[in-house]
Structures are given as C-alpha cells and as structure tokens.
Amino acid sequence: MNKTDMIEHIAKQADISKAAAGRALDAFLAGVRGTLKKGGAVTLVGFGTFAVSKRAARAGRNPRTGEAIKIKAAKLPKFRPGKALKDALN
C-alpha cells in the first residue's frame, strides 16, 4: 500500500473527501516527524511506538576498493509494533 492507496482507504472508512484524508495523513506524518526530530516518541496504543534509535560510529569497508572507512554515528527512526498489531498478524 502506498500513500495514495492509504488516502483512498482513509477517505472511504471515514466518509470524507480524498483531499481531507490527504491533509489528515500529512498532518499525522508531520506530527510524528516533528516529535521524532525533538527526540521524543509517539505511542499509539494497540498499534505501536515510533521512536529514535542511536547508532554508534563504526569502521566499515568500501566494497569497491576494500579501503577502510569511518561511518559516522546516526539517529534512526524505529518502530516497535504493539501487542494488538502482533496478535492481528498471527
């Protein structure tokens, strides 16, 4: 499912226009993005938690040349599914 499919699904389920569904989805994504940028977490009970994970700097290799390189530390988005979501899939 891509973003367009999700907008259509939201519009149909909520009985609203596709434009309104698109604005709602964009607002949700902006809220999650903003919270993660600030280092917070977004928890949707029964669905899961979006959080920020930190990856330490490490040594790696350039696959083309075999040369050792330094990979910088990074912040990564992480999603942990909730129990209800796990149960729905199993």
PDB file of N, CA and C in Angstrom:
ATOM      1  N   MET A   1       0.849  -1.175   0.000  1.00  0.00           N
ATOM      2  CA  MET A   1       0.000   0.000   0.000  1.00  0.00           C
ATOM      3  C   MET A   1       0.893   1.236   0.000  1.00  0.00           C
ATOM      4  N   ASN A   2       0.628   2.146  -0.916  1.00  0.00           N
ATOM      5  CA  ASN A   2       1.392   3.390  -0.948  1.00  0.00           C
ATOM      6  C   ASN A   2       0.547   4.529  -0.371  1.00  0.00           C
ATOM      7  N   LYS A   3       1.061   5.745  -0.405  1.00  0.00           N
ATOM      8  CA  LYS A   3       0.377   6.881   0.212  1.00  0.00           C
ATOM      9  C   LYS A   3      -0.980   7.139  -0.443  1.00  0.00           C
ATOM     10  N   THR A   4      -1.064   7.040  -1.754  1.00  0.00           N
ATOM     11  CA  THR A   4      -2.330   7.267  -2.462  1.00  0.00           C
ATOM     12  C   THR A   4      -3.372   6.234  -2.050  1.00  0.00           C
ATOM     13  N   ASP A   5      -2.963   4.983  -1.956  1.00  0.00           N
ATOM     14  CA  ASP A   5      -3.876   3.929  -1.512  1.00  0.00           C
ATOM     15  C   ASP A   5      -4.357   4.191  -0.089  1.00  0.00           C
ATOM     16  N   MET A   6      -3.454   4.649   0.777  1.00  0.00           N
ATOM     17  CA  MET A   6      -3.810   4.931   2.163  1.00  0.00           C
ATOM     18  C   MET A   6      -4.810   6.085   2.236  1.00  0.00           C
ATOM     19  N   ILE A   7      -4.607   7.107   1.429  1.00  0.00           N
ATOM     20  CA  ILE A   7      -5.539   8.246   1.407  1.00  0.00           C
ATOM     21  C   ILE A   7      -6.919   7.779   0.966  1.00  0.00           C
ATOM     22  N   GLU A   8      -6.978   6.945  -0.061  1.00  0.00           N
ATOM     23  CA  GLU A   8      -8.261   6.410  -0.527  1.00  0.00           C
ATOM     24  C   GLU A   8      -8.936   5.584   0.566  1.00  0.00           C
ATOM     25  N   HIS A   9      -8.167   4.784   1.261  1.00  0.00           N
ATOM     26  CA  HIS A   9      -8.706   3.947   2.339  1.00  0.00           C
ATOM     27  C   HIS A   9      -9.266   4.811   3.477  1.00  0.00           C
ATOM     28  N   ILE A  10      -8.505   5.834   3.886  1.00  0.00           N
ATOM     29  CA  ILE A  10      -8.955   6.728   4.956  1.00  0.00           C
ATOM     30  C   ILE A  10     -10.231   7.444   4.535  1.00  0.00           C
ATOM     31  N   ALA A  11     -10.249   7.948   3.303  1.00  0.00           N
ATOM     32  CA  ALA A  11     -11.430   8.675   2.811  1.00  0.00           C
ATOM     33  C   ALA A  11     -12.665   7.787   2.826  1.00  0.00           C
ATOM     34  N   LYS A  12     -12.511   6.555   2.413  1.00  0.00           N
ATOM     35  CA  LYS A  12     -13.648   5.631   2.363  1.00  0.00           C
ATOM     36  C   LYS A  12     -14.116   5.252   3.769  1.00  0.00           C
ATOM     37  N   GLN A  13     -13.175   4.897   4.652  1.00  0.00           N
ATOM     38  CA  GLN A  13     -13.526   4.466   6.001  1.00  0.00           C
ATOM     39  C   GLN A  13     -14.121   5.597   6.844  1.00  0.00           C
ATOM     40  N   ALA A  14     -13.606   6.813   6.683  1.00  0.00           N
ATOM     41  CA  ALA A  14     -14.065   7.952   7.487  1.00  0.00           C
ATOM     42  C   ALA A  14     -15.179   8.737   6.801  1.00  0.00           C
ATOM     43  N   ASP A  15     -15.538   8.340   5.588  1.00  0.00           N
ATOM     44  CA  ASP A  15     -16.572   9.020   4.819  1.00  0.00           C
ATOM     45  C   ASP A  15     -16.273  10.515   4.671  1.00  0.00           C
ATOM     46  N   ILE A  16     -15.035  10.799   4.233  1.00  0.00           N
ATOM     47  CA  ILE A  16     -14.606  12.175   3.976  1.00  0.00           C
ATOM     48  C   ILE A  16     -13.990  12.224   2.579  1.00  0.00           C
ATOM     49  N   SER A  17     -13.711  13.438   2.115  1.00  0.00           N
ATOM     50  CA  SER A  17     -13.130  13.583   0.779  1.00  0.00           C
ATOM     51  C   SER A  17     -11.667  13.128   0.790  1.00  0.00           C
ATOM     52  N   LYS A  18     -11.171  12.822  -0.401  1.00  0.00           N
ATOM     53  CA  LYS A  18      -9.771  12.421  -0.516  1.00  0.00           C
ATOM     54  C   LYS A  18      -8.845  13.568  -0.129  1.00  0.00           C
ATOM     55  N   ALA A  19      -9.260  14.802  -0.426  1.00  0.00           N
ATOM     56  CA  ALA A  19      -8.445  15.961  -0.066  1.00  0.00           C
ATOM     57  C   ALA A  19      -8.320  16.070   1.452  1.00  0.00           C
ATOM     58  N   ALA A  20      -9.430  15.895   2.154  1.00  0.00           N
ATOM     59  CA  ALA A  20      -9.404  15.965   3.618  1.00  0.00           C
ATOM     60  C   ALA A  20      -8.591  14.810   4.191  1.00  0.00           C
ATOM     61  N   ALA A  21      -8.730  13.630   3.616  1.00  0.00           N
ATOM     62  CA  ALA A  21      -7.958  12.470   4.073  1.00  0.00           C
ATOM     63  C   ALA A  21      -6.467  12.701   3.845  1.00  0.00           C
ATOM     64  N   GLY A  22      -6.125  13.304   2.709  1.00  0.00           N
ATOM     65  CA  GLY A  22      -4.724  13.608   2.412  1.00  0.00           C
ATOM     66  C   GLY A  22      -4.152  14.601   3.413  1.00  0.00           C
ATOM     67  N   ARG A  23      -4.933  15.638   3.755  1.00  0.00           N
ATOM     68  CA  ARG A  23      -4.482  16.617   4.749  1.00  0.00           C
ATOM     69  C   ARG A  23      -4.315  15.960   6.116  1.00  0.00           C
ATOM     70  N   ALA A  24      -5.237  15.067   6.479  1.00  0.00           N
ATOM     71  CA  ALA A  24      -5.153  14.383   7.768  1.00  0.00           C
ATOM     72  C   ALA A  24      -3.907  13.493   7.834  1.00  0.00           C
ATOM     73  N   LEU A  25      -3.652  12.754   6.770  1.00  0.00           N
ATOM     74  CA  LEU A  25      -2.477  11.891   6.733  1.00  0.00           C
ATOM     75  C   LEU A  25      -1.194  12.717   6.788  1.00  0.00           C
ATOM     76  N   ASP A  26      -1.149  13.816   6.038  1.00  0.00           N
ATOM     77  CA  ASP A  26       0.032  14.685   6.053  1.00  0.00           C
ATOM     78  C   ASP A  26       0.251  15.281   7.443  1.00  0.00           C
ATOM     79  N   ALA A  27      -0.844  15.658   8.127  1.00  0.00           N
ATOM     80  CA  ALA A  27      -0.740  16.221   9.474  1.00  0.00           C
ATOM     81  C   ALA A  27      -0.212  15.168  10.447  1.00  0.00           C
ATOM     82  N   PHE A  28      -0.691  13.938  10.315  1.00  0.00           N
ATOM     83  CA  PHE A  28      -0.213  12.848  11.171  1.00  0.00           C
ATOM     84  C   PHE A  28       1.278  12.623  10.964  1.00  0.00           C
ATOM     85  N   LEU A  29       1.698  12.530   9.707  1.00  0.00           N
ATOM     86  CA  LEU A  29       3.112  12.283   9.404  1.00  0.00           C
ATOM     87  C   LEU A  29       3.992  13.429   9.892  1.00  0.00           C
ATOM     88  N   ALA A  30       3.514  14.666   9.738  1.00  0.00           N
ATOM     89  CA  ALA A  30       4.274  15.826  10.205  1.00  0.00           C
ATOM     90  C   ALA A  30       4.400  15.798  11.728  1.00  0.00           C
ATOM     91  N   GLY A  31       3.347  15.382  12.410  1.00  0.00           N
ATOM     92  CA  GLY A  31       3.394  15.285  13.863  1.00  0.00           C
ATOM     93  C   GLY A  31       4.394  14.244  14.337  1.00  0.00           C
ATOM     94  N   VAL A  32       4.389  13.086  13.698  1.00  0.00           N
ATOM     95  CA  VAL A  32       5.345  12.032  14.043  1.00  0.00           C
ATOM     96  C   VAL A  32       6.763  12.508  13.749  1.00  0.00           C
ATOM     97  N   ARG A  33       6.970  13.092  12.572  1.00  0.00           N
ATOM     98  CA  ARG A  33       8.301  13.569  12.174  1.00  0.00           C
ATOM     99  C   ARG A  33       8.813  14.624  13.155  1.00  0.00           C
ATOM    100  N   GLY A  34       7.955  15.585  13.517  1.00  0.00           N
ATOM    101  CA  GLY A  34       8.356  16.652  14.438  1.00  0.00           C
ATOM    102  C   GLY A  34       8.709  16.124  15.814  1.00  0.00           C
ATOM    103  N   THR A  35       7.929  15.189  16.316  1.00  0.00           N
ATOM    104  CA  THR A  35       8.194  14.612  17.628  1.00  0.00           C
ATOM    105  C   THR A  35       9.507  13.832  17.622  1.00  0.00           C
ATOM    106  N   LEU A  36       9.748  13.060  16.573  1.00  0.00           N
ATOM    107  CA  LEU A  36      10.995  12.296  16.483  1.00  0.00           C
ATOM    108  C   LEU A  36      12.198  13.219  16.356  1.00  0.00           C
ATOM    109  N   LYS A  37      12.050  14.334  15.632  1.00  0.00           N
ATOM    110  CA  LYS A  37      13.152  15.293  15.492  1.00  0.00           C
ATOM    111  C   LYS A  37      13.554  15.867  16.843  1.00  0.00           C
ATOM    112  N   LYS A  38      12.567  16.038  17.725  1.00  0.00           N
ATOM    113  CA  LYS A  38      12.831  16.570  19.062  1.00  0.00           C
ATOM    114  C   LYS A  38      13.347  15.494  20.010  1.00  0.00           C
ATOM    115  N   GLY A  39      13.439  14.252  19.532  1.00  0.00           N
ATOM    116  CA  GLY A  39      13.952  13.169  20.347  1.00  0.00           C
ATOM    117  C   GLY A  39      12.878  12.433  21.137  1.00  0.00           C
ATOM    118  N   GLY A  40      11.619  12.758  20.895  1.00  0.00           N
ATOM    119  CA  GLY A  40      10.522  12.111  21.606  1.00  0.00           C
ATOM    120  C   GLY A  40      10.082  10.828  20.930  1.00  0.00           C
ATOM    121  N   ALA A  41       9.012  10.248  21.460  1.00  0.00           N
ATOM    122  CA  ALA A  41       8.443   9.025  20.907  1.00  0.00           C
ATOM    123  C   ALA A  41       6.945   9.222  20.733  1.00  0.00           C
ATOM    124  N   VAL A  42       6.370   8.546  19.758  1.00  0.00           N
ATOM    125  CA  VAL A  42       4.933   8.588  19.503  1.00  0.00           C
ATOM    126  C   VAL A  42       4.388   7.191  19.752  1.00  0.00           C
ATOM    127  N   THR A  43       3.481   7.069  20.720  1.00  0.00           N
ATOM    128  CA  THR A  43       2.908   5.774  21.059  1.00  0.00           C
ATOM    129  C   THR A  43       1.435   5.762  20.699  1.00  0.00           C
ATOM    130  N   LEU A  44       1.041   4.819  19.872  1.00  0.00           N
ATOM    131  CA  LEU A  44      -0.353   4.604  19.515  1.00  0.00           C
ATOM    132  C   LEU A  44      -0.745   3.267  20.133  1.00  0.00           C
ATOM    133  N   VAL A  45      -1.493   3.322  21.233  1.00  0.00           N
ATOM    134  CA  VAL A  45      -1.838   2.119  21.983  1.00  0.00           C
ATOM    135  C   VAL A  45      -2.534   1.122  21.062  1.00  0.00           C
ATOM    136  N   GLY A  46      -2.051  -0.103  21.077  1.00  0.00           N
ATOM    137  CA  GLY A  46      -2.604  -1.159  20.243  1.00  0.00           C
ATOM    138  C   GLY A  46      -1.968  -1.240  18.869  1.00  0.00           C
ATOM    139  N   PHE A  47      -1.274  -0.189  18.459  1.00  0.00           N
ATOM    140  CA  PHE A  47      -0.627  -0.197  17.144  1.00  0.00           C
ATOM    141  C   PHE A  47       0.874  -0.335  17.284  1.00  0.00           C
ATOM    142  N   GLY A  48       1.503   0.607  17.998  1.00  0.00           N
ATOM    143  CA  GLY A  48       2.942   0.537  18.176  1.00  0.00           C
ATOM    144  C   GLY A  48       3.538   1.858  18.576  1.00  0.00           C
ATOM    145  N   THR A  49       4.864   1.894  18.627  1.00  0.00           N
ATOM    146  CA  THR A  49       5.591   3.075  19.056  1.00  0.00           C
ATOM    147  C   THR A  49       6.656   3.447  18.028  1.00  0.00           C
ATOM    148  N   PHE A  50       6.655   4.717  17.652  1.00  0.00           N
ATOM    149  CA  PHE A  50       7.704   5.277  16.807  1.00  0.00           C
ATOM    150  C   PHE A  50       8.687   5.960  17.745  1.00  0.00           C
ATOM    151  N   ALA A  51       9.983   5.664  17.619  1.00  0.00           N
ATOM    152  CA  ALA A  51      10.990   6.251  18.491  1.00  0.00           C
ATOM    153  C   ALA A  51      12.276   6.467  17.701  1.00  0.00           C
ATOM    154  N   VAL A  52      13.214   7.169  18.345  1.00  0.00           N
ATOM    155  CA  VAL A  52      14.515   7.434  17.731  1.00  0.00           C
ATOM    156  C   VAL A  52      15.534   6.494  18.349  1.00  0.00           C
ATOM    157  N   SER A  53      16.327   5.867  17.508  1.00  0.00           N
ATOM    158  CA  SER A  53      17.386   4.966  17.951  1.00  0.00           C
ATOM    159  C   SER A  53      18.718   5.578  17.525  1.00  0.00           C
ATOM    160  N   LYS A  54      19.720   5.431  18.361  1.00  0.00           N
ATOM    161  CA  LYS A  54      21.046   5.971  18.038  1.00  0.00           C
ATOM    162  C   LYS A  54      21.969   4.830  17.638  1.00  0.00           C
ATOM    163  N   ARG A  55      22.676   5.045  16.539  1.00  0.00           N
ATOM    164  CA  ARG A  55      23.661   4.067  16.066  1.00  0.00           C
ATOM    165  C   ARG A  55      25.049   4.690  16.239  1.00  0.00           C
ATOM    166  N   ALA A  56      25.940   3.990  16.896  1.00  0.00           N
ATOM    167  CA  ALA A  56      27.283   4.492  17.170  1.00  0.00           C
ATOM    168  C   ALA A  56      28.122   4.535  15.898  1.00  0.00           C
ATOM    169  N   ALA A  57      29.149   5.364  15.938  1.00  0.00           N
ATOM    170  CA  ALA A  57      30.106   5.409  14.831  1.00  0.00           C
ATOM    171  C   ALA A  57      30.831   4.070  14.784  1.00  0.00           C
ATOM    172  N   ARG A  58      31.213   3.687  13.587  1.00  0.00           N
ATOM    173  CA  ARG A  58      31.885   2.401  13.450  1.00  0.00           C
ATOM    174  C   ARG A  58      32.800   2.403  12.229  1.00  0.00           C
ATOM    175  N   ALA A  59      33.632   1.385  12.144  1.00  0.00           N
ATOM    176  CA  ALA A  59      34.529   1.233  10.995  1.00  0.00           C
ATOM    177  C   ALA A  59      33.846   0.330   9.974  1.00  0.00           C
ATOM    178  N   GLY A  60      34.053   0.643   8.714  1.00  0.00           N
ATOM    179  CA  GLY A  60      33.482  -0.164   7.647  1.00  0.00           C
ATOM    180  C   GLY A  60      34.471  -0.294   6.509  1.00  0.00           C
ATOM    181  N   ARG A  61      34.033  -0.892   5.427  1.00  0.00           N
ATOM    182  CA  ARG A  61      34.896  -1.054   4.256  1.00  0.00           C
ATOM    183  C   ARG A  61      34.152  -0.611   3.011  1.00  0.00           C
ATOM    184  N   ASN A  62      34.884   0.044   2.120  1.00  0.00           N
ATOM    185  CA  ASN A  62      34.338   0.399   0.819  1.00  0.00           C
ATOM    186  C   ASN A  62      34.292  -0.899   0.011  1.00  0.00           C
ATOM    187  N   PRO A  63      33.099  -1.353  -0.403  1.00  0.00           N
ATOM    188  CA  PRO A  63      33.026  -2.634  -1.109  1.00  0.00           C
ATOM    189  C   PRO A  63      33.742  -2.628  -2.457  1.00  0.00           C
ATOM    190  N   ARG A  64      33.889  -1.475  -3.051  1.00  0.00           N
ATOM    191  CA  ARG A  64      34.536  -1.394  -4.360  1.00  0.00           C
ATOM    192  C   ARG A  64      36.052  -1.508  -4.259  1.00  0.00           C
ATOM    193  N   THR A  65      36.635  -0.810  -3.251  1.00  0.00           N
ATOM    194  CA  THR A  65      38.097  -0.777  -3.154  1.00  0.00           C
ATOM    195  C   THR A  65      38.646  -1.594  -1.995  1.00  0.00           C
ATOM    196  N   GLY A  66      37.799  -1.934  -1.024  1.00  0.00           N
ATOM    197  CA  GLY A  66      38.272  -2.659   0.144  1.00  0.00           C
ATOM    198  C   GLY A  66      38.915  -1.756   1.176  1.00  0.00           C
ATOM    199  N   GLU A  67      38.944  -0.453   0.895  1.00  0.00           N
ATOM    200  CA  GLU A  67      39.558   0.515   1.782  1.00  0.00           C
ATOM    201  C   GLU A  67      38.722   0.695   3.051  1.00  0.00           C
ATOM    202  N   ALA A  68      39.402   0.801   4.207  1.00  0.00           N
ATOM    203  CA  ALA A  68      38.703   1.027   5.473  1.00  0.00           C
ATOM    204  C   ALA A  68      38.162   2.461   5.494  1.00  0.00           C
ATOM    205  N   ILE A  69      36.920   2.617   5.965  1.00  0.00           N
ATOM    206  CA  ILE A  69      36.305   3.947   6.063  1.00  0.00           C
ATOM    207  C   ILE A  69      35.650   4.088   7.431  1.00  0.00           C
ATOM    208  N   LYS A  70      35.426   5.323   7.840  1.00  0.00           N
ATOM    209  CA  LYS A  70      34.729   5.597   9.097  1.00  0.00           C
ATOM    210  C   LYS A  70      33.280   5.921   8.773  1.00  0.00           C
ATOM    211  N   ILE A  71      32.362   5.260   9.452  1.00  0.00           N
ATOM    212  CA  ILE A  71      30.934   5.532   9.282  1.00  0.00           C
ATOM    213  C   ILE A  71      30.496   6.338  10.494  1.00  0.00           C
ATOM    214  N   LYS A  72      29.905   7.506  10.250  1.00  0.00           N
ATOM    215  CA  LYS A  72      29.508   8.416  11.320  1.00  0.00           C
ATOM    216  C   LYS A  72      28.364   7.840  12.148  1.00  0.00           C
ATOM    217  N   ALA A  73      28.262   8.333  13.367  1.00  0.00           N
ATOM    218  CA  ALA A  73      27.123   7.993  14.224  1.00  0.00           C
ATOM    219  C   ALA A  73      25.863   8.578  13.585  1.00  0.00           C
ATOM    220  N   ALA A  74      24.713   7.951  13.823  1.00  0.00           N
ATOM    221  CA  ALA A  74      23.476   8.412  13.204  1.00  0.00           C
ATOM    222  C   ALA A  74      22.283   8.160  14.117  1.00  0.00           C
ATOM    223  N   LYS A  75      21.246   8.957  13.929  1.00  0.00           N
ATOM    224  CA  LYS A  75      19.961   8.743  14.583  1.00  0.00           C
ATOM    225  C   LYS A  75      19.041   8.108  13.548  1.00  0.00           C
ATOM    226  N   LEU A  76      18.330   7.058  13.954  1.00  0.00           N
ATOM    227  CA  LEU A  76      17.464   6.340  13.029  1.00  0.00           C
ATOM    228  C   LEU A  76      16.052   6.231  13.589  1.00  0.00           C
ATOM    229  N   PRO A  77      15.036   6.333  12.728  1.00  0.00           N
ATOM    230  CA  PRO A  77      13.680   6.088  13.204  1.00  0.00           C
ATOM    231  C   PRO A  77      13.481   4.593  13.432  1.00  0.00           C
ATOM    232  N   LYS A  78      12.706   4.269  14.453  1.00  0.00           N
ATOM    233  CA  LYS A  78      12.485   2.877  14.793  1.00  0.00           C
ATOM    234  C   LYS A  78      11.004   2.688  15.118  1.00  0.00           C
ATOM    235  N   PHE A  79      10.450   1.553  14.739  1.00  0.00           N
ATOM    236  CA  PHE A  79       9.055   1.242  15.048  1.00  0.00           C
ATOM    237  C   PHE A  79       8.987  -0.081  15.777  1.00  0.00           C
ATOM    238  N   ARG A  80       8.313  -0.070  16.926  1.00  0.00           N
ATOM    239  CA  ARG A  80       8.075  -1.302  17.677  1.00  0.00           C
ATOM    240  C   ARG A  80       6.577  -1.566  17.656  1.00  0.00           C
ATOM    241  N   PRO A  81       6.143  -2.662  17.052  1.00  0.00           N
ATOM    242  CA  PRO A  81       4.705  -2.953  16.988  1.00  0.00           C
ATOM    243  C   PRO A  81       4.140  -3.264  18.371  1.00  0.00           C
ATOM    244  N   GLY A  82       2.865  -2.877  18.559  1.00  0.00           N
ATOM    245  CA  GLY A  82       2.173  -3.165  19.809  1.00  0.00           C
ATOM    246  C   GLY A  82       1.596  -4.571  19.815  1.00  0.00           C
ATOM    247  N   LYS A  83       1.136  -4.995  20.974  1.00  0.00           N
ATOM    248  CA  LYS A  83       0.612  -6.349  21.132  1.00  0.00           C
ATOM    249  C   LYS A  83      -0.590  -6.600  20.230  1.00  0.00           C
ATOM    250  N   ALA A  84      -1.515  -5.647  20.137  1.00  0.00           N
ATOM    251  CA  ALA A  84      -2.713  -5.842  19.317  1.00  0.00           C
ATOM    252  C   ALA A  84      -2.354  -6.030  17.842  1.00  0.00           C
ATOM    253  N   LEU A  85      -1.352  -5.280  17.356  1.00  0.00           N
ATOM    254  CA  LEU A  85      -0.921  -5.421  15.969  1.00  0.00           C
ATOM    255  C   LEU A  85      -0.276  -6.788  15.754  1.00  0.00           C
ATOM    256  N   LYS A  86       0.566  -7.214  16.685  1.00  0.00           N
ATOM    257  CA  LYS A  86       1.198  -8.528  16.577  1.00  0.00           C
ATOM    258  C   LYS A  86       0.142  -9.639  16.576  1.00  0.00           C
ATOM    259  N   ASP A  87      -0.841  -9.507  17.481  1.00  0.00           N
ATOM    260  CA  ASP A  87      -1.894 -10.522  17.573  1.00  0.00           C
ATOM    261  C   ASP A  87      -2.735 -10.568  16.304  1.00  0.00           C
ATOM    262  N   ALA A  88      -2.961  -9.419  15.677  1.00  0.00           N
ATOM    263  CA  ALA A  88      -3.759  -9.376  14.458  1.00  0.00           C
ATOM    264  C   ALA A  88      -3.063 -10.095  13.305  1.00  0.00           C
ATOM    265  N   LEU A  89      -1.745 -10.133  13.330  1.00  0.00           N
ATOM    266  CA  LEU A  89      -0.995 -10.767  12.247  1.00  0.00           C
ATOM    267  C   LEU A  89      -0.805 -12.266  12.455  1.00  0.00           C
ATOM    268  N   ASN A  90      -0.937 -12.721  13.682  1.00  0.00           N
ATOM    269  CA  ASN A  90      -0.692 -14.138  13.975  1.00  0.00           C
ATOM    270  C   ASN A  90      -1.965 -14.898  14.250  1.00  0.00           C
TER     271      ASN A  90
END
